[in-house]
Amino acid sequence: MAKTKAPNLIRTIALLWRTLVEDIFDPYRPELHYMRGPGPKWHEKHRIAAPSATAGLGGLTEATA
């Protein structure tokens, strides 16, 4: 009976070790990829409230791509 429990115990310990190492050294950091600034909806909503950057150009407008 001890023969069948030993491989199972070793397998369980190996699985726990692998899980622990993966959790500690996981390179994925979602806070670096979550939000990269305001999107188009935010710009659309706040475009009116922002002062015009073209007011001092004497009627010339900036080209946008």
PDB file of N, CA and C in Angstrom:
ATOM      1  N   MET A   1       0.823  -1.197   0.000  1.00  0.00           N
ATOM      2  CA  MET A   1       0.000   0.000   0.000  1.00  0.00           C
ATOM      3  C   MET A   1       0.870   1.266   0.000  1.00  0.00           C
ATOM      4  N   ALA A   2       1.994   1.260   0.649  1.00  0.00           N
ATOM      5  CA  ALA A   2       2.888   2.406   0.673  1.00  0.00           C
ATOM      6  C   ALA A   2       3.477   2.663  -0.702  1.00  0.00           C
ATOM      7  N   LYS A   3       3.591   1.593  -1.517  1.00  0.00           N
ATOM      8  CA  LYS A   3       4.126   1.748  -2.860  1.00  0.00           C
ATOM      9  C   LYS A   3       3.224   2.611  -3.733  1.00  0.00           C
ATOM     10  N   THR A   4       1.935   2.494  -3.624  1.00  0.00           N
ATOM     11  CA  THR A   4       1.018   3.266  -4.461  1.00  0.00           C
ATOM     12  C   THR A   4       0.868   4.700  -3.972  1.00  0.00           C
ATOM     13  N   LYS A   5       1.079   4.962  -2.691  1.00  0.00           N
ATOM     14  CA  LYS A   5       0.935   6.320  -2.167  1.00  0.00           C
ATOM     15  C   LYS A   5       2.161   7.177  -2.460  1.00  0.00           C
ATOM     16  N   ALA A   6       3.346   6.601  -2.516  1.00  0.00           N
ATOM     17  CA  ALA A   6       4.567   7.376  -2.720  1.00  0.00           C
ATOM     18  C   ALA A   6       4.573   8.100  -4.072  1.00  0.00           C
ATOM     19  N   PRO A   7       4.307   7.436  -5.207  1.00  0.00           N
ATOM     20  CA  PRO A   7       4.288   8.182  -6.477  1.00  0.00           C
ATOM     21  C   PRO A   7       3.211   9.266  -6.491  1.00  0.00           C
ATOM     22  N   ASN A   8       2.075   8.988  -5.878  1.00  0.00           N
ATOM     23  CA  ASN A   8       1.002   9.979  -5.819  1.00  0.00           C
ATOM     24  C   ASN A   8       1.446  11.189  -4.992  1.00  0.00           C
ATOM     25  N   LEU A   9       2.147  10.940  -3.893  1.00  0.00           N
ATOM     26  CA  LEU A   9       2.647  12.015  -3.045  1.00  0.00           C
ATOM     27  C   LEU A   9       3.701  12.826  -3.791  1.00  0.00           C
ATOM     28  N   ILE A  10       4.599  12.147  -4.484  1.00  0.00           N
ATOM     29  CA  ILE A  10       5.631  12.840  -5.249  1.00  0.00           C
ATOM     30  C   ILE A  10       4.992  13.668  -6.368  1.00  0.00           C
ATOM     31  N   ARG A  11       4.012  13.110  -7.029  1.00  0.00           N
ATOM     32  CA  ARG A  11       3.311  13.828  -8.099  1.00  0.00           C
ATOM     33  C   ARG A  11       2.594  15.066  -7.547  1.00  0.00           C
ATOM     34  N   THR A  12       1.984  14.926  -6.389  1.00  0.00           N
ATOM     35  CA  THR A  12       1.280  16.045  -5.764  1.00  0.00           C
ATOM     36  C   THR A  12       2.254  17.151  -5.355  1.00  0.00           C
ATOM     37  N   ILE A  13       3.381  16.762  -4.783  1.00  0.00           N
ATOM     38  CA  ILE A  13       4.389  17.744  -4.381  1.00  0.00           C
ATOM     39  C   ILE A  13       4.951  18.449  -5.615  1.00  0.00           C
ATOM     40  N   ALA A  14       5.192  17.696  -6.683  1.00  0.00           N
ATOM     41  CA  ALA A  14       5.697  18.299  -7.917  1.00  0.00           C
ATOM     42  C   ALA A  14       4.683  19.278  -8.500  1.00  0.00           C
ATOM     43  N   LEU A  15       3.423  18.924  -8.475  1.00  0.00           N
ATOM     44  CA  LEU A  15       2.380  19.814  -8.977  1.00  0.00           C
ATOM     45  C   LEU A  15       2.290  21.094  -8.136  1.00  0.00           C
ATOM     46  N   LEU A  16       2.371  20.945  -6.824  1.00  0.00           N
ATOM     47  CA  LEU A  16       2.335  22.127  -5.955  1.00  0.00           C
ATOM     48  C   LEU A  16       3.549  23.020  -6.198  1.00  0.00           C
ATOM     49  N   TRP A  17       4.729  22.413  -6.357  1.00  0.00           N
ATOM     50  CA  TRP A  17       5.941  23.190  -6.623  1.00  0.00           C
ATOM     51  C   TRP A  17       5.837  23.943  -7.948  1.00  0.00           C
ATOM     52  N   ARG A  18       5.365  23.253  -8.982  1.00  0.00           N
ATOM     53  CA  ARG A  18       5.234  23.877 -10.297  1.00  0.00           C
ATOM     54  C   ARG A  18       4.245  25.035 -10.245  1.00  0.00           C
ATOM     55  N   THR A  19       3.139  24.848  -9.567  1.00  0.00           N
ATOM     56  CA  THR A  19       2.133  25.901  -9.439  1.00  0.00           C
ATOM     57  C   THR A  19       2.694  27.104  -8.682  1.00  0.00           C
ATOM     58  N   LEU A  20       3.436  26.829  -7.610  1.00  0.00           N
ATOM     59  CA  LEU A  20       4.032  27.899  -6.821  1.00  0.00           C
ATOM     60  C   LEU A  20       5.035  28.697  -7.654  1.00  0.00           C
ATOM     61  N   VAL A  21       5.892  28.008  -8.381  1.00  0.00           N
ATOM     62  CA  VAL A  21       6.890  28.684  -9.211  1.00  0.00           C
ATOM     63  C   VAL A  21       6.211  29.496 -10.311  1.00  0.00           C
ATOM     64  N   GLU A  22       5.176  28.964 -10.943  1.00  0.00           N
ATOM     65  CA  GLU A  22       4.460  29.705 -11.985  1.00  0.00           C
ATOM     66  C   GLU A  22       3.796  30.953 -11.420  1.00  0.00           C
ATOM     67  N   ASP A  23       3.243  30.855 -10.211  1.00  0.00           N
ATOM     68  CA  ASP A  23       2.584  32.012  -9.608  1.00  0.00           C
ATOM     69  C   ASP A  23       3.579  33.094  -9.196  1.00  0.00           C
ATOM     70  N   ILE A  24       4.742  32.686  -8.720  1.00  0.00           N
ATOM     71  CA  ILE A  24       5.740  33.654  -8.269  1.00  0.00           C
ATOM     72  C   ILE A  24       6.393  34.363  -9.456  1.00  0.00           C
ATOM     73  N   PHE A  25       6.725  33.621 -10.498  1.00  0.00           N
ATOM     74  CA  PHE A  25       7.471  34.183 -11.617  1.00  0.00           C
ATOM     75  C   PHE A  25       6.608  34.419 -12.848  1.00  0.00           C
ATOM     76  N   ASP A  26       5.336  34.671 -12.660  1.00  0.00           N
ATOM     77  CA  ASP A  26       4.427  34.934 -13.777  1.00  0.00           C
ATOM     78  C   ASP A  26       4.743  36.307 -14.371  1.00  0.00           C
ATOM     79  N   PRO A  27       5.141  36.365 -15.648  1.00  0.00           N
ATOM     80  CA  PRO A  27       5.517  37.653 -16.237  1.00  0.00           C
ATOM     81  C   PRO A  27       4.330  38.534 -16.624  1.00  0.00           C
ATOM     82  N   TYR A  28       3.119  37.996 -16.618  1.00  0.00           N
ATOM     83  CA  TYR A  28       1.946  38.777 -17.033  1.00  0.00           C
ATOM     84  C   TYR A  28       1.559  39.753 -15.932  1.00  0.00           C
ATOM     85  N   ARG A  29       1.530  41.037 -16.272  1.00  0.00           N
ATOM     86  CA  ARG A  29       1.127  42.066 -15.328  1.00  0.00           C
ATOM     87  C   ARG A  29       0.019  42.881 -15.972  1.00  0.00           C
ATOM     88  N   PRO A  30      -1.249  42.581 -15.651  1.00  0.00           N
ATOM     89  CA  PRO A  30      -2.363  43.235 -16.333  1.00  0.00           C
ATOM     90  C   PRO A  30      -2.408  44.743 -16.131  1.00  0.00           C
ATOM     91  N   GLU A  31      -1.851  45.244 -15.052  1.00  0.00           N
ATOM     92  CA  GLU A  31      -1.902  46.687 -14.846  1.00  0.00           C
ATOM     93  C   GLU A  31      -1.095  47.441 -15.902  1.00  0.00           C
ATOM     94  N   LEU A  32      -0.167  46.758 -16.574  1.00  0.00           N
ATOM     95  CA  LEU A  32       0.594  47.398 -17.638  1.00  0.00           C
ATOM     96  C   LEU A  32      -0.173  47.446 -18.954  1.00  0.00           C
ATOM     97  N   HIS A  33      -1.203  46.635 -19.088  1.00  0.00           N
ATOM     98  CA  HIS A  33      -1.909  46.523 -20.357  1.00  0.00           C
ATOM     99  C   HIS A  33      -3.361  46.972 -20.285  1.00  0.00           C
ATOM    100  N   TYR A  34      -3.839  47.346 -19.116  1.00  0.00           N
ATOM    101  CA  TYR A  34      -5.264  47.590 -18.956  1.00  0.00           C
ATOM    102  C   TYR A  34      -5.716  48.862 -19.652  1.00  0.00           C
ATOM    103  N   MET A  35      -5.160  49.987 -19.285  1.00  0.00           N
ATOM    104  CA  MET A  35      -5.658  51.262 -19.802  1.00  0.00           C
ATOM    105  C   MET A  35      -4.487  52.069 -20.322  1.00  0.00           C
ATOM    106  N   ARG A  36      -4.581  52.524 -21.538  1.00  0.00           N
ATOM    107  CA  ARG A  36      -3.477  53.261 -22.144  1.00  0.00           C
ATOM    108  C   ARG A  36      -3.862  54.700 -22.457  1.00  0.00           C
ATOM    109  N   GLY A  37      -4.845  55.206 -21.793  1.00  0.00           N
ATOM    110  CA  GLY A  37      -5.244  56.592 -22.003  1.00  0.00           C
ATOM    111  C   GLY A  37      -6.677  56.673 -22.478  1.00  0.00           C
ATOM    112  N   PRO A  38      -7.192  57.879 -22.564  1.00  0.00           N
ATOM    113  CA  PRO A  38      -8.581  58.047 -22.969  1.00  0.00           C
ATOM    114  C   PRO A  38      -8.803  57.617 -24.414  1.00  0.00           C
ATOM    115  N   GLY A  39      -9.932  57.023 -24.657  1.00  0.00           N
ATOM    116  CA  GLY A  39     -10.271  56.533 -25.982  1.00  0.00           C
ATOM    117  C   GLY A  39     -11.070  57.545 -26.788  1.00  0.00           C
ATOM    118  N   PRO A  40     -11.537  57.135 -27.942  1.00  0.00           N
ATOM    119  CA  PRO A  40     -12.246  58.056 -28.826  1.00  0.00           C
ATOM    120  C   PRO A  40     -13.560  58.583 -28.243  1.00  0.00           C
ATOM    121  N   LYS A  41     -14.252  57.772 -27.455  1.00  0.00           N
ATOM    122  CA  LYS A  41     -15.504  58.246 -26.849  1.00  0.00           C
ATOM    123  C   LYS A  41     -15.238  59.368 -25.848  1.00  0.00           C
ATOM    124  N   TRP A  42     -14.166  59.245 -25.085  1.00  0.00           N
ATOM    125  CA  TRP A  42     -13.819  60.280 -24.120  1.00  0.00           C
ATOM    126  C   TRP A  42     -13.472  61.570 -24.862  1.00  0.00           C
ATOM    127  N   HIS A  43     -12.672  61.459 -25.926  1.00  0.00           N
ATOM    128  CA  HIS A  43     -12.301  62.652 -26.689  1.00  0.00           C
ATOM    129  C   HIS A  43     -13.523  63.306 -27.329  1.00  0.00           C
ATOM    130  N   GLU A  44     -14.430  62.491 -27.807  1.00  0.00           N
ATOM    131  CA  GLU A  44     -15.645  63.029 -28.416  1.00  0.00           C
ATOM    132  C   GLU A  44     -16.471  63.792 -27.389  1.00  0.00           C
ATOM    133  N   LYS A  45     -16.557  63.260 -26.191  1.00  0.00           N
ATOM    134  CA  LYS A  45     -17.355  63.879 -25.145  1.00  0.00           C
ATOM    135  C   LYS A  45     -16.708  65.165 -24.634  1.00  0.00           C
ATOM    136  N   HIS A  46     -15.391  65.226 -24.562  1.00  0.00           N
ATOM    137  CA  HIS A  46     -14.705  66.358 -23.967  1.00  0.00           C
ATOM    138  C   HIS A  46     -14.149  67.341 -24.998  1.00  0.00           C
ATOM    139  N   ARG A  47     -14.418  67.148 -26.244  1.00  0.00           N
ATOM    140  CA  ARG A  47     -13.892  68.033 -27.285  1.00  0.00           C
ATOM    141  C   ARG A  47     -14.431  69.452 -27.141  1.00  0.00           C
ATOM    142  N   ILE A  48     -15.689  69.616 -26.764  1.00  0.00           N
ATOM    143  CA  ILE A  48     -16.320  70.931 -26.649  1.00  0.00           C
ATOM    144  C   ILE A  48     -15.733  71.711 -25.476  1.00  0.00           C
ATOM    145  N   ALA A  49     -15.437  71.039 -24.374  1.00  0.00           N
ATOM    146  CA  ALA A  49     -14.955  71.707 -23.170  1.00  0.00           C
ATOM    147  C   ALA A  49     -13.516  72.192 -23.318  1.00  0.00           C
ATOM    148  N   ALA A  50     -12.734  71.615 -24.217  1.00  0.00           N
ATOM    149  CA  ALA A  50     -11.332  71.997 -24.374  1.00  0.00           C
ATOM    150  C   ALA A  50     -11.236  73.297 -25.167  1.00  0.00           C
ATOM    151  N   PRO A  51     -10.303  74.181 -24.793  1.00  0.00           N
ATOM    152  CA  PRO A  51     -10.134  75.420 -25.561  1.00  0.00           C
ATOM    153  C   PRO A  51      -9.575  75.106 -26.948  1.00  0.00           C
ATOM    154  N   SER A  52      -9.946  75.915 -27.898  1.00  0.00           N
ATOM    155  CA  SER A  52      -9.536  75.688 -29.270  1.00  0.00           C
ATOM    156  C   SER A  52      -8.055  76.010 -29.444  1.00  0.00           C
ATOM    157  N   ALA A  53      -7.295  75.087 -30.007  1.00  0.00           N
ATOM    158  CA  ALA A  53      -5.871  75.299 -30.233  1.00  0.00           C
ATOM    159  C   ALA A  53      -5.651  76.089 -31.520  1.00  0.00           C
ATOM    160  N   THR A  54      -6.659  76.162 -32.387  1.00  0.00           N
ATOM    161  CA  THR A  54      -6.505  76.850 -33.669  1.00  0.00           C
ATOM    162  C   THR A  54      -6.962  78.298 -33.609  1.00  0.00           C
ATOM    163  N   ALA A  55      -7.365  78.814 -32.470  1.00  0.00           N
ATOM    164  CA  ALA A  55      -7.892  80.174 -32.375  1.00  0.00           C
ATOM    165  C   ALA A  55      -6.833  81.217 -32.721  1.00  0.00           C
ATOM    166  N   GLY A  56      -5.572  80.969 -32.406  1.00  0.00           N
ATOM    167  CA  GLY A  56      -4.524  81.952 -32.653  1.00  0.00           C
ATOM    168  C   GLY A  56      -3.837  81.784 -33.999  1.00  0.00           C
ATOM    169  N   LEU A  57      -4.348  80.966 -34.897  1.00  0.00           N
ATOM    170  CA  LEU A  57      -3.698  80.736 -36.171  1.00  0.00           C
ATOM    171  C   LEU A  57      -4.198  81.664 -37.279  1.00  0.00           C
ATOM    172  N   GLY A  58      -5.075  82.582 -36.985  1.00  0.00           N
ATOM    173  CA  GLY A  58      -5.562  83.542 -37.969  1.00  0.00           C
ATOM    174  C   GLY A  58      -6.404  82.902 -39.061  1.00  0.00           C
ATOM    175  N   GLY A  59      -7.235  81.967 -38.708  1.00  0.00           N
ATOM    176  CA  GLY A  59      -8.117  81.335 -39.682  1.00  0.00           C
ATOM    177  C   GLY A  59      -7.559  80.051 -40.278  1.00  0.00           C
ATOM    178  N   LEU A  60      -6.289  79.786 -40.097  1.00  0.00           N
ATOM    179  CA  LEU A  60      -5.710  78.540 -40.594  1.00  0.00           C
ATOM    180  C   LEU A  60      -6.050  77.402 -39.643  1.00  0.00           C
ATOM    181  N   THR A  61      -6.245  76.264 -40.174  1.00  0.00           N
ATOM    182  CA  THR A  61      -6.543  75.110 -39.326  1.00  0.00           C
ATOM    183  C   THR A  61      -5.444  74.078 -39.450  1.00  0.00           C
ATOM    184  N   GLU A  62      -5.304  73.269 -38.418  1.00  0.00           N
ATOM    185  CA  GLU A  62      -4.304  72.220 -38.424  1.00  0.00           C
ATOM    186  C   GLU A  62      -4.823  71.029 -39.225  1.00  0.00           C
ATOM    187  N   ALA A  63      -3.936  70.369 -39.931  1.00  0.00           N
ATOM    188  CA  ALA A  63      -4.309  69.159 -40.661  1.00  0.00           C
ATOM    189  C   ALA A  63      -4.299  67.981 -39.702  1.00  0.00           C
ATOM    190  N   THR A  64      -5.339  67.171 -39.778  1.00  0.00           N
ATOM    191  CA  THR A  64      -5.385  65.977 -38.943  1.00  0.00           C
ATOM    192  C   THR A  64      -5.421  64.752 -39.835  1.00  0.00           C
ATOM    193  N   ALA A  65      -4.808  63.706 -39.352  1.00  0.00           N
ATOM    194  CA  ALA A  65      -4.762  62.471 -40.149  1.00  0.00           C
ATOM    195  C   ALA A  65      -5.873  61.540 -39.743  1.00  0.00           C
TER     196      ALA A  65
END
